[in-house]
Amino acid sequence: LSCAASGFSFDGYSIGWFRQAPGKERE
């Protein structure tokens, strides 16, 4: 999976991946 990012600098930030299945909470 790729995530094209704009509007921020990679320095000083945190990045994350989350997922959610139907009927389930985001994890």
PDB file of all heavy atoms in Angstrom:
ATOM      1  N   LEU A   1       0.832  -1.183   0.000  1.00  0.00           N
ATOM      2  CA  LEU A   1       0.000   0.000   0.000  1.00  0.00           C
ATOM      3  C   LEU A   1       0.872   1.241   0.000  1.00  0.00           C
ATOM      4  O   LEU A   1       1.914   1.279   0.657  1.00  0.00           O
ATOM      5  CB  LEU A   1      -0.914   0.026   1.223  1.00  0.00           C
ATOM      6  CG  LEU A   1      -1.810  -1.198   1.432  1.00  0.00           C
ATOM      7  CD1 LEU A   1      -2.705  -0.982   2.646  1.00  0.00           C
ATOM      8  CD2 LEU A   1      -2.640  -1.481   0.189  1.00  0.00           C
ATOM      9  N   SER A   2       0.439   2.231  -0.738  1.00  0.00           N
ATOM     10  CA  SER A   2       1.151   3.496  -0.791  1.00  0.00           C
ATOM     11  C   SER A   2       0.243   4.616  -0.338  1.00  0.00           C
ATOM     12  O   SER A   2      -0.967   4.569  -0.530  1.00  0.00           O
ATOM     13  CB  SER A   2       1.644   3.791  -2.217  1.00  0.00           C
ATOM     14  OG  SER A   2       2.539   2.803  -2.661  1.00  0.00           O
ATOM     15  N   CYS A   3       0.825   5.610   0.245  1.00  0.00           N
ATOM     16  CA  CYS A   3       0.086   6.776   0.698  1.00  0.00           C
ATOM     17  C   CYS A   3       0.856   8.017   0.288  1.00  0.00           C
ATOM     18  O   CYS A   3       1.903   8.319   0.867  1.00  0.00           O
ATOM     19  CB  CYS A   3      -0.106   6.725   2.217  1.00  0.00           C
ATOM     20  SG  CYS A   3      -0.939   8.161   2.915  1.00  0.00           S
ATOM     21  N   ALA A   4       0.342   8.693  -0.718  1.00  0.00           N
ATOM     22  CA  ALA A   4       0.961   9.929  -1.172  1.00  0.00           C
ATOM     23  C   ALA A   4       0.578  11.048  -0.225  1.00  0.00           C
ATOM     24  O   ALA A   4      -0.603  11.287   0.010  1.00  0.00           O
ATOM     25  CB  ALA A   4       0.518  10.252  -2.592  1.00  0.00           C
ATOM     26  N   ALA A   5       1.567  11.708   0.295  1.00  0.00           N
ATOM     27  CA  ALA A   5       1.338  12.727   1.303  1.00  0.00           C
ATOM     28  C   ALA A   5       1.775  14.095   0.813  1.00  0.00           C
ATOM     29  O   ALA A   5       2.762  14.232   0.089  1.00  0.00           O
ATOM     30  CB  ALA A   5       2.086  12.381   2.584  1.00  0.00           C
ATOM     31  N   SER A   6       1.040  15.087   1.224  1.00  0.00           N
ATOM     32  CA  SER A   6       1.399  16.464   0.914  1.00  0.00           C
ATOM     33  C   SER A   6       0.955  17.359   2.059  1.00  0.00           C
ATOM     34  O   SER A   6       0.075  17.006   2.840  1.00  0.00           O
ATOM     35  CB  SER A   6       0.750  16.927  -0.398  1.00  0.00           C
ATOM     36  OG  SER A   6      -0.669  16.911  -0.304  1.00  0.00           O
ATOM     37  N   GLY A   7       1.578  18.503   2.152  1.00  0.00           N
ATOM     38  CA  GLY A   7       1.183  19.463   3.157  1.00  0.00           C
ATOM     39  C   GLY A   7       1.859  19.309   4.506  1.00  0.00           C
ATOM     40  O   GLY A   7       1.439  19.940   5.472  1.00  0.00           O
ATOM     41  N   PHE A   8       2.872  18.496   4.559  1.00  0.00           N
ATOM     42  CA  PHE A   8       3.596  18.343   5.807  1.00  0.00           C
ATOM     43  C   PHE A   8       5.007  17.871   5.535  1.00  0.00           C
ATOM     44  O   PHE A   8       5.326  17.383   4.450  1.00  0.00           O
ATOM     45  CB  PHE A   8       2.880  17.370   6.754  1.00  0.00           C
ATOM     46  CG  PHE A   8       3.087  15.927   6.411  1.00  0.00           C
ATOM     47  CD1 PHE A   8       3.968  15.145   7.153  1.00  0.00           C
ATOM     48  CD2 PHE A   8       2.406  15.336   5.364  1.00  0.00           C
ATOM     49  CE1 PHE A   8       4.157  13.806   6.850  1.00  0.00           C
ATOM     50  CE2 PHE A   8       2.590  14.002   5.040  1.00  0.00           C
ATOM     51  CZ  PHE A   8       3.469  13.237   5.793  1.00  0.00           C
ATOM     52  N   SER A   9       5.818  18.000   6.524  1.00  0.00           N
ATOM     53  CA  SER A   9       7.176  17.502   6.456  1.00  0.00           C
ATOM     54  C   SER A   9       7.272  16.200   7.223  1.00  0.00           C
ATOM     55  O   SER A   9       6.640  16.034   8.263  1.00  0.00           O
ATOM     56  CB  SER A   9       8.161  18.529   7.044  1.00  0.00           C
ATOM     57  OG  SER A   9       9.459  17.989   7.160  1.00  0.00           O
ATOM     58  N   PHE A  10       8.040  15.278   6.705  1.00  0.00           N
ATOM     59  CA  PHE A  10       8.217  14.015   7.399  1.00  0.00           C
ATOM     60  C   PHE A  10       9.004  14.173   8.689  1.00  0.00           C
ATOM     61  O   PHE A  10       8.981  13.291   9.547  1.00  0.00           O
ATOM     62  CB  PHE A  10       8.920  13.008   6.486  1.00  0.00           C
ATOM     63  CG  PHE A  10       8.001  12.352   5.509  1.00  0.00           C
ATOM     64  CD1 PHE A  10       7.698  12.968   4.303  1.00  0.00           C
ATOM     65  CD2 PHE A  10       7.435  11.123   5.782  1.00  0.00           C
ATOM     66  CE1 PHE A  10       6.843  12.367   3.392  1.00  0.00           C
ATOM     67  CE2 PHE A  10       6.579  10.512   4.878  1.00  0.00           C
ATOM     68  CZ  PHE A  10       6.286  11.144   3.680  1.00  0.00           C
ATOM     69  N   ASP A  11       9.681  15.273   8.818  1.00  0.00           N
ATOM     70  CA  ASP A  11      10.451  15.519  10.024  1.00  0.00           C
ATOM     71  C   ASP A  11       9.535  15.963  11.155  1.00  0.00           C
ATOM     72  O   ASP A  11       8.782  16.926  11.023  1.00  0.00           O
ATOM     73  CB  ASP A  11      11.522  16.579   9.763  1.00  0.00           C
ATOM     74  CG  ASP A  11      12.410  16.828  10.962  1.00  0.00           C
ATOM     75  OD1 ASP A  11      12.723  15.874  11.688  1.00  0.00           O
ATOM     76  OD2 ASP A  11      12.793  18.003  11.169  1.00  0.00           O
ATOM     77  N   GLY A  12       9.602  15.269  12.262  1.00  0.00           N
ATOM     78  CA  GLY A  12       8.857  15.657  13.439  1.00  0.00           C
ATOM     79  C   GLY A  12       7.431  15.140  13.515  1.00  0.00           C
ATOM     80  O   GLY A  12       6.673  15.538  14.399  1.00  0.00           O
ATOM     81  N   TYR A  13       7.057  14.259  12.610  1.00  0.00           N
ATOM     82  CA  TYR A  13       5.708  13.709  12.588  1.00  0.00           C
ATOM     83  C   TYR A  13       5.718  12.215  12.886  1.00  0.00           C
ATOM     84  O   TYR A  13       6.757  11.563  12.861  1.00  0.00           O
ATOM     85  CB  TYR A  13       5.063  13.931  11.222  1.00  0.00           C
ATOM     86  CG  TYR A  13       4.630  15.349  10.946  1.00  0.00           C
ATOM     87  CD1 TYR A  13       5.548  16.304  10.531  1.00  0.00           C
ATOM     88  CD2 TYR A  13       3.297  15.734  11.087  1.00  0.00           C
ATOM     89  CE1 TYR A  13       5.156  17.604  10.271  1.00  0.00           C
ATOM     90  CE2 TYR A  13       2.890  17.036  10.817  1.00  0.00           C
ATOM     91  CZ  TYR A  13       3.825  17.961  10.410  1.00  0.00           C
ATOM     92  OH  TYR A  13       3.422  19.250  10.145  1.00  0.00           O
ATOM     93  N   SER A  14       4.526  11.715  13.140  1.00  0.00           N
ATOM     94  CA  SER A  14       4.312  10.280  13.257  1.00  0.00           C
ATOM     95  C   SER A  14       3.385   9.839  12.143  1.00  0.00           C
ATOM     96  O   SER A  14       2.458  10.552  11.776  1.00  0.00           O
ATOM     97  CB  SER A  14       3.705   9.919  14.611  1.00  0.00           C
ATOM     98  OG  SER A  14       4.596  10.209  15.667  1.00  0.00           O
ATOM     99  N   ILE A  15       3.640   8.674  11.601  1.00  0.00           N
ATOM    100  CA  ILE A  15       2.797   8.120  10.559  1.00  0.00           C
ATOM    101  C   ILE A  15       2.222   6.796  11.045  1.00  0.00           C
ATOM    102  O   ILE A  15       2.803   6.122  11.896  1.00  0.00           O
ATOM    103  CB  ILE A  15       3.563   7.912   9.239  1.00  0.00           C
ATOM    104  CG1 ILE A  15       4.773   6.985   9.456  1.00  0.00           C
ATOM    105  CG2 ILE A  15       4.013   9.257   8.679  1.00  0.00           C
ATOM    106  CD1 ILE A  15       5.498   6.600   8.170  1.00  0.00           C
ATOM    107  N   GLY A  16       1.089   6.437  10.474  1.00  0.00           N
ATOM    108  CA  GLY A  16       0.471   5.199  10.905  1.00  0.00           C
ATOM    109  C   GLY A  16      -0.430   4.610   9.847  1.00  0.00           C
ATOM    110  O   GLY A  16      -0.865   5.296   8.916  1.00  0.00           O
ATOM    111  N   TRP A  17      -0.678   3.336   9.982  1.00  0.00           N
ATOM    112  CA  TRP A  17      -1.641   2.621   9.177  1.00  0.00           C
ATOM    113  C   TRP A  17      -2.665   1.981  10.100  1.00  0.00           C
ATOM    114  O   TRP A  17      -2.304   1.358  11.104  1.00  0.00           O
ATOM    115  CB  TRP A  17      -0.975   1.542   8.319  1.00  0.00           C
ATOM    116  CG  TRP A  17      -0.220   2.073   7.139  1.00  0.00           C
ATOM    117  CD1 TRP A  17       1.102   2.353   7.056  1.00  0.00           C
ATOM    118  CD2 TRP A  17      -0.777   2.372   5.846  1.00  0.00           C
ATOM    119  NE1 TRP A  17       1.423   2.809   5.802  1.00  0.00           N
ATOM    120  CE2 TRP A  17       0.286   2.829   5.038  1.00  0.00           C
ATOM    121  CE3 TRP A  17      -2.063   2.296   5.306  1.00  0.00           C
ATOM    122  CZ2 TRP A  17       0.103   3.214   3.709  1.00  0.00           C
ATOM    123  CZ3 TRP A  17      -2.243   2.679   3.981  1.00  0.00           C
ATOM    124  CH2 TRP A  17      -1.172   3.128   3.198  1.00  0.00           C
ATOM    125  N   PHE A  18      -3.916   2.139   9.744  1.00  0.00           N
ATOM    126  CA  PHE A  18      -5.023   1.573  10.494  1.00  0.00           C
ATOM    127  C   PHE A  18      -5.939   0.842   9.530  1.00  0.00           C
ATOM    128  O   PHE A  18      -5.898   1.082   8.326  1.00  0.00           O
ATOM    129  CB  PHE A  18      -5.790   2.673  11.237  1.00  0.00           C
ATOM    130  CG  PHE A  18      -4.952   3.443  12.221  1.00  0.00           C
ATOM    131  CD1 PHE A  18      -4.121   4.466  11.805  1.00  0.00           C
ATOM    132  CD2 PHE A  18      -4.992   3.133  13.573  1.00  0.00           C
ATOM    133  CE1 PHE A  18      -3.345   5.173  12.702  1.00  0.00           C
ATOM    134  CE2 PHE A  18      -4.220   3.839  14.495  1.00  0.00           C
ATOM    135  CZ  PHE A  18      -3.394   4.854  14.055  1.00  0.00           C
ATOM    136  N   ARG A  19      -6.753  -0.024  10.059  1.00  0.00           N
ATOM    137  CA  ARG A  19      -7.682  -0.737   9.200  1.00  0.00           C
ATOM    138  C   ARG A  19      -9.008  -0.929   9.918  1.00  0.00           C
ATOM    139  O   ARG A  19      -9.077  -0.931  11.141  1.00  0.00           O
ATOM    140  CB  ARG A  19      -7.116  -2.095   8.761  1.00  0.00           C
ATOM    141  CG  ARG A  19      -6.934  -3.098   9.892  1.00  0.00           C
ATOM    142  CD  ARG A  19      -6.197  -4.331   9.394  1.00  0.00           C
ATOM    143  NE  ARG A  19      -6.033  -5.333  10.433  1.00  0.00           N
ATOM    144  CZ  ARG A  19      -5.292  -6.429  10.308  1.00  0.00           C
ATOM    145  NH1 ARG A  19      -4.643  -6.665   9.164  1.00  0.00           N
ATOM    146  NH2 ARG A  19      -5.203  -7.295  11.319  1.00  0.00           N
ATOM    147  N   GLN A  20     -10.047  -1.108   9.117  1.00  0.00           N
ATOM    148  CA  GLN A  20     -11.373  -1.299   9.668  1.00  0.00           C
ATOM    149  C   GLN A  20     -12.172  -2.232   8.770  1.00  0.00           C
ATOM    150  O   GLN A  20     -12.282  -2.006   7.568  1.00  0.00           O
ATOM    151  CB  GLN A  20     -12.098   0.035   9.816  1.00  0.00           C
ATOM    152  CG  GLN A  20     -13.442  -0.065  10.511  1.00  0.00           C
ATOM    153  CD  GLN A  20     -14.018   1.297  10.850  1.00  0.00           C
ATOM    154  OE1 GLN A  20     -13.651   2.308  10.259  1.00  0.00           O
ATOM    155  NE2 GLN A  20     -14.918   1.321  11.824  1.00  0.00           N
ATOM    156  N   ALA A  21     -12.707  -3.262   9.361  1.00  0.00           N
ATOM    157  CA  ALA A  21     -13.581  -4.185   8.660  1.00  0.00           C
ATOM    158  C   ALA A  21     -15.029  -3.815   8.959  1.00  0.00           C
ATOM    159  O   ALA A  21     -15.322  -3.233  10.008  1.00  0.00           O
ATOM    160  CB  ALA A  21     -13.302  -5.623   9.091  1.00  0.00           C
ATOM    161  N   PRO A  22     -15.960  -4.138   8.053  1.00  0.00           N
ATOM    162  CA  PRO A  22     -17.370  -3.831   8.294  1.00  0.00           C
ATOM    163  C   PRO A  22     -17.849  -4.409   9.616  1.00  0.00           C
ATOM    164  O   PRO A  22     -17.621  -5.581   9.915  1.00  0.00           O
ATOM    165  CB  PRO A  22     -18.080  -4.481   7.107  1.00  0.00           C
ATOM    166  CG  PRO A  22     -17.045  -4.492   6.022  1.00  0.00           C
ATOM    167  CD  PRO A  22     -15.754  -4.769   6.741  1.00  0.00           C
ATOM    168  N   GLY A  23     -18.503  -3.577  10.399  1.00  0.00           N
ATOM    169  CA  GLY A  23     -19.023  -4.026  11.669  1.00  0.00           C
ATOM    170  C   GLY A  23     -18.004  -4.109  12.779  1.00  0.00           C
ATOM    171  O   GLY A  23     -18.349  -4.508  13.897  1.00  0.00           O
ATOM    172  N   LYS A  24     -16.784  -3.750  12.490  1.00  0.00           N
ATOM    173  CA  LYS A  24     -15.735  -3.799  13.492  1.00  0.00           C
ATOM    174  C   LYS A  24     -15.137  -2.418  13.693  1.00  0.00           C
ATOM    175  O   LYS A  24     -15.223  -1.552  12.827  1.00  0.00           O
ATOM    176  CB  LYS A  24     -14.637  -4.783  13.090  1.00  0.00           C
ATOM    177  CG  LYS A  24     -15.110  -6.224  12.958  1.00  0.00           C
ATOM    178  CD  LYS A  24     -13.964  -7.143  12.596  1.00  0.00           C
ATOM    179  CE  LYS A  24     -14.422  -8.581  12.471  1.00  0.00           C
ATOM    180  NZ  LYS A  24     -13.290  -9.478  12.107  1.00  0.00           N
ATOM    181  N   GLU A  25     -14.541  -2.235  14.833  1.00  0.00           N
ATOM    182  CA  GLU A  25     -13.910  -0.960  15.122  1.00  0.00           C
ATOM    183  C   GLU A  25     -12.549  -0.867  14.448  1.00  0.00           C
ATOM    184  O   GLU A  25     -11.895  -1.864  14.159  1.00  0.00           O
ATOM    185  CB  GLU A  25     -13.767  -0.770  16.631  1.00  0.00           C
ATOM    186  CG  GLU A  25     -15.083  -0.659  17.378  1.00  0.00           C
ATOM    187  CD  GLU A  25     -14.908  -0.241  18.814  1.00  0.00           C
ATOM    188  OE1 GLU A  25     -13.828   0.277  19.167  1.00  0.00           O
ATOM    189  OE2 GLU A  25     -15.851  -0.417  19.594  1.00  0.00           O
ATOM    190  N   ARG A  26     -12.158   0.347  14.208  1.00  0.00           N
ATOM    191  CA  ARG A  26     -10.852   0.603  13.627  1.00  0.00           C
ATOM    192  C   ARG A  26      -9.754   0.096  14.549  1.00  0.00           C
ATOM    193  O   ARG A  26      -9.830   0.248  15.777  1.00  0.00           O
ATOM    194  CB  ARG A  26     -10.687   2.106  13.392  1.00  0.00           C
ATOM    195  CG  ARG A  26      -9.334   2.529  12.833  1.00  0.00           C
ATOM    196  CD  ARG A  26      -9.259   4.040  12.758  1.00  0.00           C
ATOM    197  NE  ARG A  26      -9.444   4.642  14.075  1.00  0.00           N
ATOM    198  CZ  ARG A  26      -9.605   5.939  14.285  1.00  0.00           C
ATOM    199  NH1 ARG A  26      -9.620   6.783  13.263  1.00  0.00           N
ATOM    200  NH2 ARG A  26      -9.768   6.404  15.514  1.00  0.00           N
ATOM    201  N   GLU A  27      -8.753  -0.510  13.970  1.00  0.00           N
ATOM    202  CA  GLU A  27      -7.638  -0.996  14.753  1.00  0.00           C
ATOM    203  C   GLU A  27      -6.324  -0.513  14.166  1.00  0.00           C
ATOM    204  O   GLU A  27      -6.179  -0.364  12.953  1.00  0.00           O
ATOM    205  CB  GLU A  27      -7.646  -2.525  14.831  1.00  0.00           C
ATOM    206  CG  GLU A  27      -7.446  -3.222  13.495  1.00  0.00           C
ATOM    207  CD  GLU A  27      -7.322  -4.722  13.628  1.00  0.00           C
ATOM    208  OE1 GLU A  27      -6.975  -5.210  14.728  1.00  0.00           O
ATOM    209  OE2 GLU A  27      -7.570  -5.434  12.628  1.00  0.00           O
TER     210      GLU A  27
END
